[in-house]
Amino acid sequence: MAKNKYNRDYRLIEEFNEKGRVRTDYEYIGNPWFFLTDSNIVEEEKRKALRCVLFAGAAFIAALIPYSGMMHRLWIALPFAFSALPLFMLGDLVFTLQRYKEPMEHRHADKLNNSYPARALAVLYLSGIALIGEAVYLVLNGVQVPGDAAVSFCTAVIVFFSFRLFRKRAAFRAEEKSGSQKLGNT
């Protein structure tokens, strides 16, 4: 069912090329999708989201560099490590978001309406759990090696930027305009 979700939005076009071979292409015939907010605001939020993802990704990589005693605790290391996957997936979506222009296709709008908030929330949730674990570790043990403070700082940076990315979800909401409605940005 999910595999064929967007089948009705496309039409296959078969053409013959110069060599007489059949070339199959597709054409989007579904209803156009538009952002709910003004296009200038959306473009600005796209740039801000890109910076947030880059800073969060850099903080994640920077947290892996120093030796840290707290990363030897599974209740800290596992949520931190598992936050890498949704962070990578969110980064991929934000990078492709830079190319989305109005009117959008249904599959692009679906990613923005459904996948973007879930990915941002997953990063926020997992890195937040890791930060809480790090705070408990620091209260119980203190800073034993300088890497503990660096990892805690980097995790706090990831939490901060993932929270900002999650708050941007409203700017990227999209809505379908049917063929009978006037096309335009509202």
N, C-alpha and C. Protein backbone atom coordinates (compact mmCIF):
# COMPACT_ATOMS: atom_id res chain seq x y z
N MET A 1 0.82 -1.19 0.00
CA MET A 1 0.00 0.00 0.00
C MET A 1 0.87 1.26 0.00
N ALA A 2 1.87 1.30 0.88
CA ALA A 2 2.73 2.48 0.95
C ALA A 2 3.62 2.58 -0.28
N LYS A 3 3.90 1.45 -0.90
CA LYS A 3 4.76 1.44 -2.08
C LYS A 3 4.12 2.21 -3.23
N ASN A 4 2.82 2.12 -3.36
CA ASN A 4 2.11 2.75 -4.46
C ASN A 4 1.35 4.00 -4.04
N LYS A 5 1.82 4.66 -3.02
CA LYS A 5 1.11 5.80 -2.46
C LYS A 5 0.97 6.96 -3.44
N TYR A 6 1.97 7.17 -4.27
CA TYR A 6 1.96 8.33 -5.16
C TYR A 6 1.75 7.95 -6.63
N ASN A 7 1.26 6.74 -6.89
CA ASN A 7 1.08 6.28 -8.27
C ASN A 7 0.15 7.18 -9.08
N ARG A 8 -0.93 7.63 -8.46
CA ARG A 8 -1.90 8.44 -9.20
C ARG A 8 -1.41 9.86 -9.47
N ASP A 9 -0.29 10.24 -8.86
CA ASP A 9 0.24 11.59 -9.06
C ASP A 9 1.16 11.69 -10.28
N TYR A 10 1.47 10.56 -10.91
CA TYR A 10 2.41 10.57 -12.02
C TYR A 10 1.83 9.85 -13.23
N ARG A 11 2.29 10.27 -14.39
CA ARG A 11 1.92 9.62 -15.65
C ARG A 11 3.21 9.24 -16.36
N LEU A 12 3.25 8.02 -16.87
CA LEU A 12 4.42 7.57 -17.60
C LEU A 12 4.32 8.03 -19.05
N ILE A 13 5.44 8.50 -19.58
CA ILE A 13 5.50 8.97 -20.96
C ILE A 13 6.58 8.15 -21.66
N GLU A 14 6.17 7.50 -22.73
CA GLU A 14 7.13 6.72 -23.51
C GLU A 14 7.38 7.44 -24.82
N GLU A 15 8.66 7.66 -25.11
CA GLU A 15 9.07 8.36 -26.33
C GLU A 15 10.17 7.55 -27.00
N PHE A 16 10.29 7.75 -28.30
CA PHE A 16 11.37 7.12 -29.04
C PHE A 16 12.50 8.13 -29.18
N ASN A 17 13.72 7.68 -28.91
CA ASN A 17 14.87 8.58 -29.09
C ASN A 17 15.40 8.46 -30.51
N GLU A 18 16.54 9.11 -30.77
CA GLU A 18 17.09 9.14 -32.14
C GLU A 18 17.47 7.76 -32.65
N LYS A 19 17.84 6.87 -31.76
CA LYS A 19 18.26 5.52 -32.15
C LYS A 19 17.09 4.55 -32.26
N GLY A 20 15.89 5.03 -32.01
CA GLY A 20 14.71 4.19 -32.13
C GLY A 20 14.37 3.40 -30.88
N ARG A 21 15.07 3.67 -29.79
CA ARG A 21 14.79 2.98 -28.54
C ARG A 21 13.71 3.72 -27.76
N VAL A 22 12.97 2.96 -26.98
CA VAL A 22 11.91 3.54 -26.18
C VAL A 22 12.53 4.13 -24.91
N ARG A 23 12.21 5.38 -24.66
CA ARG A 23 12.68 6.07 -23.45
C ARG A 23 11.45 6.37 -22.61
N THR A 24 11.47 5.89 -21.38
CA THR A 24 10.33 6.08 -20.47
C THR A 24 10.68 7.19 -19.48
N ASP A 25 9.79 8.14 -19.36
CA ASP A 25 9.95 9.25 -18.43
C ASP A 25 8.63 9.40 -17.67
N TYR A 26 8.60 10.26 -16.70
CA TYR A 26 7.36 10.48 -15.95
C TYR A 26 7.04 11.96 -15.90
N GLU A 27 5.77 12.23 -15.67
CA GLU A 27 5.28 13.60 -15.56
C GLU A 27 4.37 13.68 -14.34
N TYR A 28 4.55 14.72 -13.54
CA TYR A 28 3.71 14.91 -12.36
C TYR A 28 2.39 15.50 -12.80
N ILE A 29 1.28 14.82 -12.46
CA ILE A 29 -0.05 15.31 -12.83
C ILE A 29 -0.93 15.54 -11.61
N GLY A 30 -0.35 15.37 -10.41
CA GLY A 30 -1.12 15.56 -9.18
C GLY A 30 -1.36 17.02 -8.91
N ASN A 31 -2.13 17.28 -7.86
CA ASN A 31 -2.41 18.66 -7.46
C ASN A 31 -1.16 19.30 -6.89
N PRO A 32 -0.99 20.58 -7.13
CA PRO A 32 0.20 21.26 -6.59
C PRO A 32 0.07 21.49 -5.08
N TRP A 33 1.19 21.53 -4.41
CA TRP A 33 1.25 21.78 -2.98
C TRP A 33 2.03 23.06 -2.75
N PHE A 34 1.58 23.86 -1.78
CA PHE A 34 2.21 25.14 -1.48
C PHE A 34 2.47 25.25 0.02
N PHE A 35 3.50 26.03 0.37
CA PHE A 35 3.77 26.30 1.77
C PHE A 35 2.64 27.16 2.34
N LEU A 36 2.34 26.96 3.61
CA LEU A 36 1.29 27.74 4.26
C LEU A 36 1.78 29.13 4.64
N THR A 37 3.08 29.30 4.81
CA THR A 37 3.64 30.61 5.16
C THR A 37 4.17 31.29 3.91
N ASP A 38 4.49 32.56 4.05
CA ASP A 38 4.99 33.36 2.94
C ASP A 38 6.30 32.78 2.41
N SER A 39 6.50 32.85 1.11
CA SER A 39 7.68 32.23 0.49
C SER A 39 8.98 32.89 0.95
N ASN A 40 8.97 34.18 1.26
CA ASN A 40 10.18 34.83 1.76
C ASN A 40 10.57 34.28 3.13
N ILE A 41 9.58 34.06 3.97
CA ILE A 41 9.83 33.50 5.30
C ILE A 41 10.34 32.06 5.16
N VAL A 42 9.76 31.31 4.23
CA VAL A 42 10.18 29.92 4.03
C VAL A 42 11.64 29.87 3.58
N GLU A 43 12.03 30.73 2.66
CA GLU A 43 13.41 30.74 2.17
C GLU A 43 14.38 31.09 3.30
N GLU A 44 14.01 32.03 4.15
CA GLU A 44 14.85 32.39 5.29
C GLU A 44 14.95 31.23 6.28
N GLU A 45 13.83 30.56 6.53
CA GLU A 45 13.83 29.43 7.45
C GLU A 45 14.62 28.25 6.89
N LYS A 46 14.62 28.08 5.57
CA LYS A 46 15.43 27.03 4.96
C LYS A 46 16.90 27.25 5.25
N ARG A 47 17.36 28.49 5.09
CA ARG A 47 18.77 28.80 5.36
C ARG A 47 19.10 28.61 6.84
N LYS A 48 18.20 29.02 7.72
CA LYS A 48 18.44 28.84 9.15
C LYS A 48 18.46 27.36 9.52
N ALA A 49 17.57 26.58 8.93
CA ALA A 49 17.54 25.14 9.21
C ALA A 49 18.83 24.47 8.74
N LEU A 50 19.35 24.91 7.61
CA LEU A 50 20.60 24.35 7.10
C LEU A 50 21.74 24.65 8.07
N ARG A 51 21.80 25.87 8.57
CA ARG A 51 22.85 26.22 9.55
C ARG A 51 22.69 25.40 10.83
N CYS A 52 21.46 25.22 11.29
CA CYS A 52 21.22 24.45 12.51
C CYS A 52 21.69 23.00 12.34
N VAL A 53 21.39 22.40 11.20
CA VAL A 53 21.80 21.02 10.96
C VAL A 53 23.31 20.92 10.88
N LEU A 54 23.93 21.88 10.24
CA LEU A 54 25.39 21.85 10.13
C LEU A 54 26.04 21.99 11.50
N PHE A 55 25.55 22.90 12.34
CA PHE A 55 26.11 23.07 13.68
C PHE A 55 25.86 21.83 14.54
N ALA A 56 24.68 21.25 14.46
CA ALA A 56 24.38 20.04 15.23
C ALA A 56 25.25 18.88 14.77
N GLY A 57 25.43 18.73 13.47
CA GLY A 57 26.30 17.66 12.95
C GLY A 57 27.75 17.87 13.36
N ALA A 58 28.22 19.11 13.31
CA ALA A 58 29.59 19.40 13.74
C ALA A 58 29.76 19.13 15.23
N ALA A 59 28.76 19.45 16.03
CA ALA A 59 28.83 19.19 17.47
C ALA A 59 28.83 17.68 17.74
N PHE A 60 28.08 16.92 16.96
CA PHE A 60 28.07 15.47 17.14
C PHE A 60 29.45 14.90 16.84
N ILE A 61 30.04 15.33 15.74
CA ILE A 61 31.37 14.83 15.39
C ILE A 61 32.41 15.29 16.40
N ALA A 62 32.29 16.54 16.87
CA ALA A 62 33.24 17.05 17.86
C ALA A 62 33.14 16.29 19.18
N ALA A 63 31.96 15.80 19.52
CA ALA A 63 31.79 15.05 20.76
C ALA A 63 32.47 13.69 20.70
N LEU A 64 32.71 13.20 19.52
CA LEU A 64 33.35 11.89 19.36
C LEU A 64 34.87 11.96 19.49
N ILE A 65 35.44 13.15 19.42
CA ILE A 65 36.90 13.29 19.38
C ILE A 65 37.56 13.12 20.75
N PRO A 66 37.15 13.86 21.80
CA PRO A 66 37.90 13.75 23.06
C PRO A 66 37.58 12.47 23.82
N TYR A 67 38.53 12.05 24.65
CA TYR A 67 38.28 10.92 25.55
C TYR A 67 37.36 11.40 26.65
N SER A 68 36.32 10.61 26.93
CA SER A 68 35.36 10.98 27.95
C SER A 68 34.98 9.76 28.76
N GLY A 69 35.01 9.91 30.08
CA GLY A 69 34.62 8.81 30.94
C GLY A 69 33.13 8.54 30.88
N MET A 70 32.34 9.59 30.63
CA MET A 70 30.89 9.39 30.61
C MET A 70 30.42 8.60 29.39
N MET A 71 31.19 8.59 28.35
CA MET A 71 30.81 7.81 27.17
C MET A 71 31.06 6.32 27.36
N HIS A 72 31.63 5.95 28.51
CA HIS A 72 31.78 4.53 28.84
C HIS A 72 30.57 4.03 29.63
N ARG A 73 29.59 4.86 29.82
CA ARG A 73 28.34 4.48 30.48
C ARG A 73 27.28 4.29 29.39
N LEU A 74 26.71 3.10 29.33
CA LEU A 74 25.75 2.79 28.27
C LEU A 74 24.52 3.68 28.33
N TRP A 75 24.08 4.08 29.51
CA TRP A 75 22.89 4.90 29.64
C TRP A 75 23.11 6.32 29.13
N ILE A 76 24.35 6.67 28.83
CA ILE A 76 24.66 7.95 28.18
C ILE A 76 25.04 7.73 26.72
N ALA A 77 25.89 6.73 26.50
CA ALA A 77 26.43 6.51 25.15
C ALA A 77 25.39 6.02 24.15
N LEU A 78 24.47 5.16 24.60
CA LEU A 78 23.49 4.62 23.65
C LEU A 78 22.53 5.68 23.10
N PRO A 79 21.89 6.51 23.94
CA PRO A 79 21.02 7.53 23.34
C PRO A 79 21.80 8.51 22.48
N PHE A 80 23.04 8.82 22.90
CA PHE A 80 23.85 9.73 22.09
C PHE A 80 24.17 9.11 20.73
N ALA A 81 24.57 7.84 20.74
CA ALA A 81 24.91 7.17 19.48
C ALA A 81 23.68 6.99 18.59
N PHE A 82 22.55 6.65 19.21
CA PHE A 82 21.34 6.45 18.41
C PHE A 82 20.79 7.75 17.84
N SER A 83 21.19 8.89 18.38
CA SER A 83 20.74 10.17 17.82
C SER A 83 21.40 10.47 16.49
N ALA A 84 22.45 9.72 16.14
CA ALA A 84 23.14 9.95 14.88
C ALA A 84 22.25 9.65 13.67
N LEU A 85 21.47 8.59 13.74
CA LEU A 85 20.63 8.21 12.60
C LEU A 85 19.56 9.26 12.29
N PRO A 86 18.74 9.67 13.27
CA PRO A 86 17.77 10.70 12.92
C PRO A 86 18.42 12.04 12.58
N LEU A 87 19.60 12.32 13.15
CA LEU A 87 20.30 13.55 12.80
C LEU A 87 20.76 13.51 11.35
N PHE A 88 21.28 12.37 10.91
CA PHE A 88 21.68 12.22 9.51
C PHE A 88 20.46 12.31 8.59
N MET A 89 19.36 11.65 8.97
CA MET A 89 18.15 11.67 8.14
C MET A 89 17.56 13.08 8.08
N LEU A 90 17.60 13.80 9.20
CA LEU A 90 17.11 15.18 9.21
C LEU A 90 18.00 16.06 8.36
N GLY A 91 19.31 15.84 8.45
CA GLY A 91 20.24 16.61 7.62
C GLY A 91 19.99 16.37 6.14
N ASP A 92 19.75 15.12 5.78
CA ASP A 92 19.45 14.80 4.38
C ASP A 92 18.19 15.51 3.92
N LEU A 93 17.17 15.53 4.76
CA LEU A 93 15.92 16.20 4.41
C LEU A 93 16.11 17.71 4.30
N VAL A 94 16.88 18.29 5.20
CA VAL A 94 17.12 19.74 5.16
C VAL A 94 17.94 20.12 3.93
N PHE A 95 18.90 19.29 3.56
CA PHE A 95 19.67 19.57 2.35
C PHE A 95 18.79 19.50 1.10
N THR A 96 17.91 18.51 1.02
CA THR A 96 17.01 18.43 -0.14
C THR A 96 15.92 19.50 -0.07
N LEU A 97 15.60 19.95 1.12
CA LEU A 97 14.60 21.03 1.28
C LEU A 97 15.05 22.30 0.57
N GLN A 98 16.34 22.51 0.47
CA GLN A 98 16.86 23.71 -0.18
C GLN A 98 16.45 23.78 -1.65
N ARG A 99 16.18 22.63 -2.25
CA ARG A 99 15.79 22.60 -3.67
C ARG A 99 14.30 22.66 -3.90
N TYR A 100 13.49 22.49 -2.86
CA TYR A 100 12.04 22.47 -3.02
C TYR A 100 11.54 23.87 -3.35
N LYS A 101 10.82 23.98 -4.44
CA LYS A 101 10.22 25.24 -4.87
C LYS A 101 8.72 25.02 -5.02
N GLU A 102 7.98 26.10 -4.94
CA GLU A 102 6.54 26.02 -5.14
C GLU A 102 6.22 26.07 -6.62
N PRO A 103 5.27 25.38 -7.11
CA PRO A 103 4.46 24.34 -6.47
C PRO A 103 5.27 23.06 -6.30
N MET A 104 5.01 22.36 -5.21
CA MET A 104 5.73 21.13 -4.90
C MET A 104 4.89 19.92 -5.30
N GLU A 105 5.60 18.80 -5.38
CA GLU A 105 4.91 17.54 -5.61
C GLU A 105 4.40 16.99 -4.28
N HIS A 106 3.46 16.08 -4.36
CA HIS A 106 2.84 15.50 -3.18
C HIS A 106 3.87 14.80 -2.29
N ARG A 107 4.80 14.05 -2.88
CA ARG A 107 5.78 13.32 -2.08
C ARG A 107 6.71 14.25 -1.32
N HIS A 108 7.04 15.41 -1.90
CA HIS A 108 7.89 16.38 -1.21
C HIS A 108 7.14 17.01 -0.04
N ALA A 109 5.92 17.39 -0.27
CA ALA A 109 5.12 17.98 0.80
C ALA A 109 4.87 16.97 1.91
N ASP A 110 4.70 15.71 1.55
CA ASP A 110 4.48 14.68 2.54
C ASP A 110 5.71 14.53 3.45
N LYS A 111 6.89 14.61 2.87
CA LYS A 111 8.12 14.55 3.67
C LYS A 111 8.18 15.72 4.65
N LEU A 112 7.80 16.90 4.19
CA LEU A 112 7.86 18.07 5.06
C LEU A 112 6.80 18.02 6.15
N ASN A 113 5.62 17.57 5.81
CA ASN A 113 4.52 17.54 6.79
C ASN A 113 4.67 16.41 7.80
N ASN A 114 5.23 15.28 7.40
CA ASN A 114 5.26 14.11 8.27
C ASN A 114 6.66 13.73 8.75
N SER A 115 7.61 13.68 7.85
CA SER A 115 8.95 13.20 8.22
C SER A 115 9.77 14.23 8.97
N TYR A 116 9.70 15.49 8.55
CA TYR A 116 10.52 16.53 9.18
C TYR A 116 10.25 16.65 10.68
N PRO A 117 9.00 16.79 11.13
CA PRO A 117 8.78 16.90 12.58
C PRO A 117 9.22 15.66 13.34
N ALA A 118 8.98 14.48 12.78
CA ALA A 118 9.34 13.24 13.46
C ALA A 118 10.85 13.11 13.61
N ARG A 119 11.58 13.44 12.57
CA ARG A 119 13.04 13.35 12.64
C ARG A 119 13.62 14.37 13.61
N ALA A 120 13.11 15.58 13.57
CA ALA A 120 13.60 16.61 14.49
C ALA A 120 13.29 16.25 15.93
N LEU A 121 12.11 15.70 16.17
CA LEU A 121 11.74 15.30 17.53
C LEU A 121 12.59 14.12 18.00
N ALA A 122 12.91 13.20 17.12
CA ALA A 122 13.75 12.05 17.49
C ALA A 122 15.15 12.51 17.91
N VAL A 123 15.72 13.44 17.16
CA VAL A 123 17.04 13.97 17.53
C VAL A 123 16.96 14.68 18.87
N LEU A 124 15.93 15.51 19.04
CA LEU A 124 15.76 16.25 20.29
C LEU A 124 15.57 15.28 21.46
N TYR A 125 14.77 14.28 21.29
CA TYR A 125 14.48 13.32 22.35
C TYR A 125 15.72 12.53 22.74
N LEU A 126 16.41 11.95 21.77
CA LEU A 126 17.58 11.11 22.08
C LEU A 126 18.74 11.92 22.64
N SER A 127 19.01 13.07 22.05
CA SER A 127 20.11 13.89 22.58
C SER A 127 19.73 14.49 23.93
N GLY A 128 18.45 14.76 24.15
CA GLY A 128 18.00 15.24 25.45
C GLY A 128 18.18 14.20 26.53
N ILE A 129 17.88 12.94 26.21
CA ILE A 129 18.11 11.85 27.17
C ILE A 129 19.60 11.72 27.48
N ALA A 130 20.43 11.82 26.45
CA ALA A 130 21.88 11.76 26.67
C ALA A 130 22.35 12.92 27.54
N LEU A 131 21.81 14.12 27.31
CA LEU A 131 22.21 15.28 28.11
C LEU A 131 21.77 15.13 29.57
N ILE A 132 20.59 14.59 29.79
CA ILE A 132 20.13 14.35 31.17
C ILE A 132 21.04 13.32 31.84
N GLY A 133 21.39 12.27 31.12
CA GLY A 133 22.32 11.27 31.65
C GLY A 133 23.67 11.86 31.97
N GLU A 134 24.15 12.74 31.09
CA GLU A 134 25.43 13.40 31.34
C GLU A 134 25.36 14.30 32.57
N ALA A 135 24.23 14.98 32.76
CA ALA A 135 24.08 15.84 33.94
C ALA A 135 24.09 15.00 35.21
N VAL A 136 23.40 13.85 35.19
CA VAL A 136 23.40 12.96 36.35
C VAL A 136 24.82 12.45 36.62
N TYR A 137 25.51 12.08 35.55
CA TYR A 137 26.90 11.61 35.70
C TYR A 137 27.78 12.70 36.31
N LEU A 138 27.63 13.93 35.83
CA LEU A 138 28.45 15.02 36.36
C LEU A 138 28.11 15.33 37.81
N VAL A 139 26.86 15.21 38.20
CA VAL A 139 26.48 15.44 39.60
C VAL A 139 27.07 14.35 40.49
N LEU A 140 27.02 13.10 40.02
CA LEU A 140 27.52 11.99 40.82
C LEU A 140 29.05 11.91 40.85
N ASN A 141 29.68 12.16 39.72
CA ASN A 141 31.13 11.92 39.61
C ASN A 141 31.95 13.18 39.39
N GLY A 142 31.34 14.25 38.93
CA GLY A 142 32.09 15.45 38.59
C GLY A 142 32.85 15.26 37.29
N VAL A 143 33.57 16.28 36.90
CA VAL A 143 34.37 16.22 35.67
C VAL A 143 35.66 15.50 36.01
N GLN A 144 35.81 14.28 35.52
CA GLN A 144 37.01 13.49 35.83
C GLN A 144 38.10 13.68 34.79
N VAL A 145 37.70 13.88 33.55
CA VAL A 145 38.65 14.19 32.48
C VAL A 145 38.09 15.37 31.70
N PRO A 146 38.95 16.18 31.06
CA PRO A 146 38.44 17.35 30.33
C PRO A 146 37.45 16.99 29.22
N GLY A 147 37.51 15.78 28.71
CA GLY A 147 36.58 15.36 27.66
C GLY A 147 35.14 15.30 28.12
N ASP A 148 34.93 15.11 29.43
CA ASP A 148 33.56 15.07 29.95
C ASP A 148 32.85 16.40 29.72
N ALA A 149 33.54 17.48 30.01
CA ALA A 149 32.94 18.81 29.82
C ALA A 149 32.72 19.09 28.34
N ALA A 150 33.66 18.67 27.50
CA ALA A 150 33.53 18.90 26.06
C ALA A 150 32.35 18.13 25.48
N VAL A 151 32.18 16.89 25.90
CA VAL A 151 31.07 16.07 25.40
C VAL A 151 29.74 16.66 25.88
N SER A 152 29.70 17.09 27.12
CA SER A 152 28.47 17.70 27.64
C SER A 152 28.12 18.97 26.88
N PHE A 153 29.12 19.77 26.60
CA PHE A 153 28.87 21.00 25.84
C PHE A 153 28.36 20.66 24.44
N CYS A 154 28.99 19.71 23.78
CA CYS A 154 28.56 19.34 22.42
C CYS A 154 27.14 18.77 22.42
N THR A 155 26.81 17.98 23.42
CA THR A 155 25.45 17.44 23.51
C THR A 155 24.44 18.55 23.75
N ALA A 156 24.82 19.52 24.57
CA ALA A 156 23.93 20.67 24.80
C ALA A 156 23.72 21.46 23.51
N VAL A 157 24.75 21.57 22.69
CA VAL A 157 24.63 22.25 21.40
C VAL A 157 23.67 21.48 20.49
N ILE A 158 23.78 20.17 20.48
CA ILE A 158 22.87 19.35 19.65
C ILE A 158 21.44 19.52 20.12
N VAL A 159 21.22 19.51 21.43
CA VAL A 159 19.86 19.68 21.96
C VAL A 159 19.32 21.05 21.57
N PHE A 160 20.14 22.08 21.70
CA PHE A 160 19.71 23.44 21.36
C PHE A 160 19.30 23.55 19.90
N PHE A 161 20.15 23.07 19.00
CA PHE A 161 19.84 23.21 17.57
C PHE A 161 18.73 22.25 17.13
N SER A 162 18.61 21.10 17.74
CA SER A 162 17.50 20.22 17.39
C SER A 162 16.17 20.80 17.88
N PHE A 163 16.19 21.50 19.00
CA PHE A 163 14.98 22.19 19.46
C PHE A 163 14.60 23.30 18.48
N ARG A 164 15.59 24.05 18.00
CA ARG A 164 15.30 25.09 17.01
C ARG A 164 14.77 24.49 15.71
N LEU A 165 15.31 23.36 15.30
CA LEU A 165 14.82 22.69 14.09
C LEU A 165 13.39 22.19 14.29
N PHE A 166 13.09 21.69 15.46
CA PHE A 166 11.73 21.22 15.72
C PHE A 166 10.74 22.37 15.71
N ARG A 167 11.14 23.52 16.19
CA ARG A 167 10.24 24.68 16.20
C ARG A 167 9.99 25.21 14.78
N LYS A 168 10.86 24.93 13.85
CA LYS A 168 10.71 25.40 12.47
C LYS A 168 9.70 24.57 11.67
N ARG A 169 9.17 23.52 12.25
CA ARG A 169 8.28 22.64 11.51
C ARG A 169 7.05 23.36 10.97
N ALA A 170 6.57 24.37 11.67
CA ALA A 170 5.39 25.10 11.21
C ALA A 170 5.68 25.91 9.95
N ALA A 171 6.91 26.37 9.80
CA ALA A 171 7.27 27.16 8.62
C ALA A 171 7.30 26.30 7.36
N PHE A 172 7.47 24.99 7.51
CA PHE A 172 7.58 24.11 6.35
C PHE A 172 6.31 23.31 6.08
N ARG A 173 5.22 23.65 6.74
CA ARG A 173 3.95 22.98 6.48
C ARG A 173 3.49 23.30 5.06
N ALA A 174 2.95 22.31 4.39
CA ALA A 174 2.47 22.48 3.02
C ALA A 174 1.02 22.03 2.93
N GLU A 175 0.32 22.61 1.97
CA GLU A 175 -1.09 22.31 1.77
C GLU A 175 -1.36 22.10 0.29
N GLU A 176 -2.29 21.20 0.02
CA GLU A 176 -2.65 20.87 -1.36
C GLU A 176 -3.65 21.88 -1.90
N LYS A 177 -3.44 22.29 -3.12
CA LYS A 177 -4.41 23.13 -3.83
C LYS A 177 -4.97 22.28 -4.96
N SER A 178 -6.28 22.10 -4.96
CA SER A 178 -6.90 21.27 -6.00
C SER A 178 -6.89 22.02 -7.33
N GLY A 179 -7.13 21.27 -8.39
CA GLY A 179 -7.09 21.85 -9.72
C GLY A 179 -8.13 22.93 -9.94
N SER A 180 -9.25 22.90 -9.20
CA SER A 180 -10.30 23.88 -9.39
C SER A 180 -9.99 25.18 -8.64
N GLN A 181 -9.10 25.12 -7.64
CA GLN A 181 -8.74 26.33 -6.93
C GLN A 181 -7.71 27.12 -7.71
N LYS A 182 -7.67 28.40 -7.42
CA LYS A 182 -6.71 29.28 -8.09
C LYS A 182 -5.32 28.95 -7.57
N LEU A 183 -4.38 28.76 -8.51
CA LEU A 183 -2.99 28.50 -8.13
C LEU A 183 -2.35 29.80 -7.71
N GLY A 184 -1.71 29.77 -6.61
CA GLY A 184 -1.01 30.96 -6.10
C GLY A 184 -0.64 30.75 -4.68
N ASN A 185 0.24 31.58 -4.20
CA ASN A 185 0.71 31.44 -2.83
C ASN A 185 -0.21 32.24 -1.91
N THR A 186 -0.81 31.54 -0.96
CA THR A 186 -1.70 32.22 -0.02
C THR A 186 -1.04 32.34 1.31
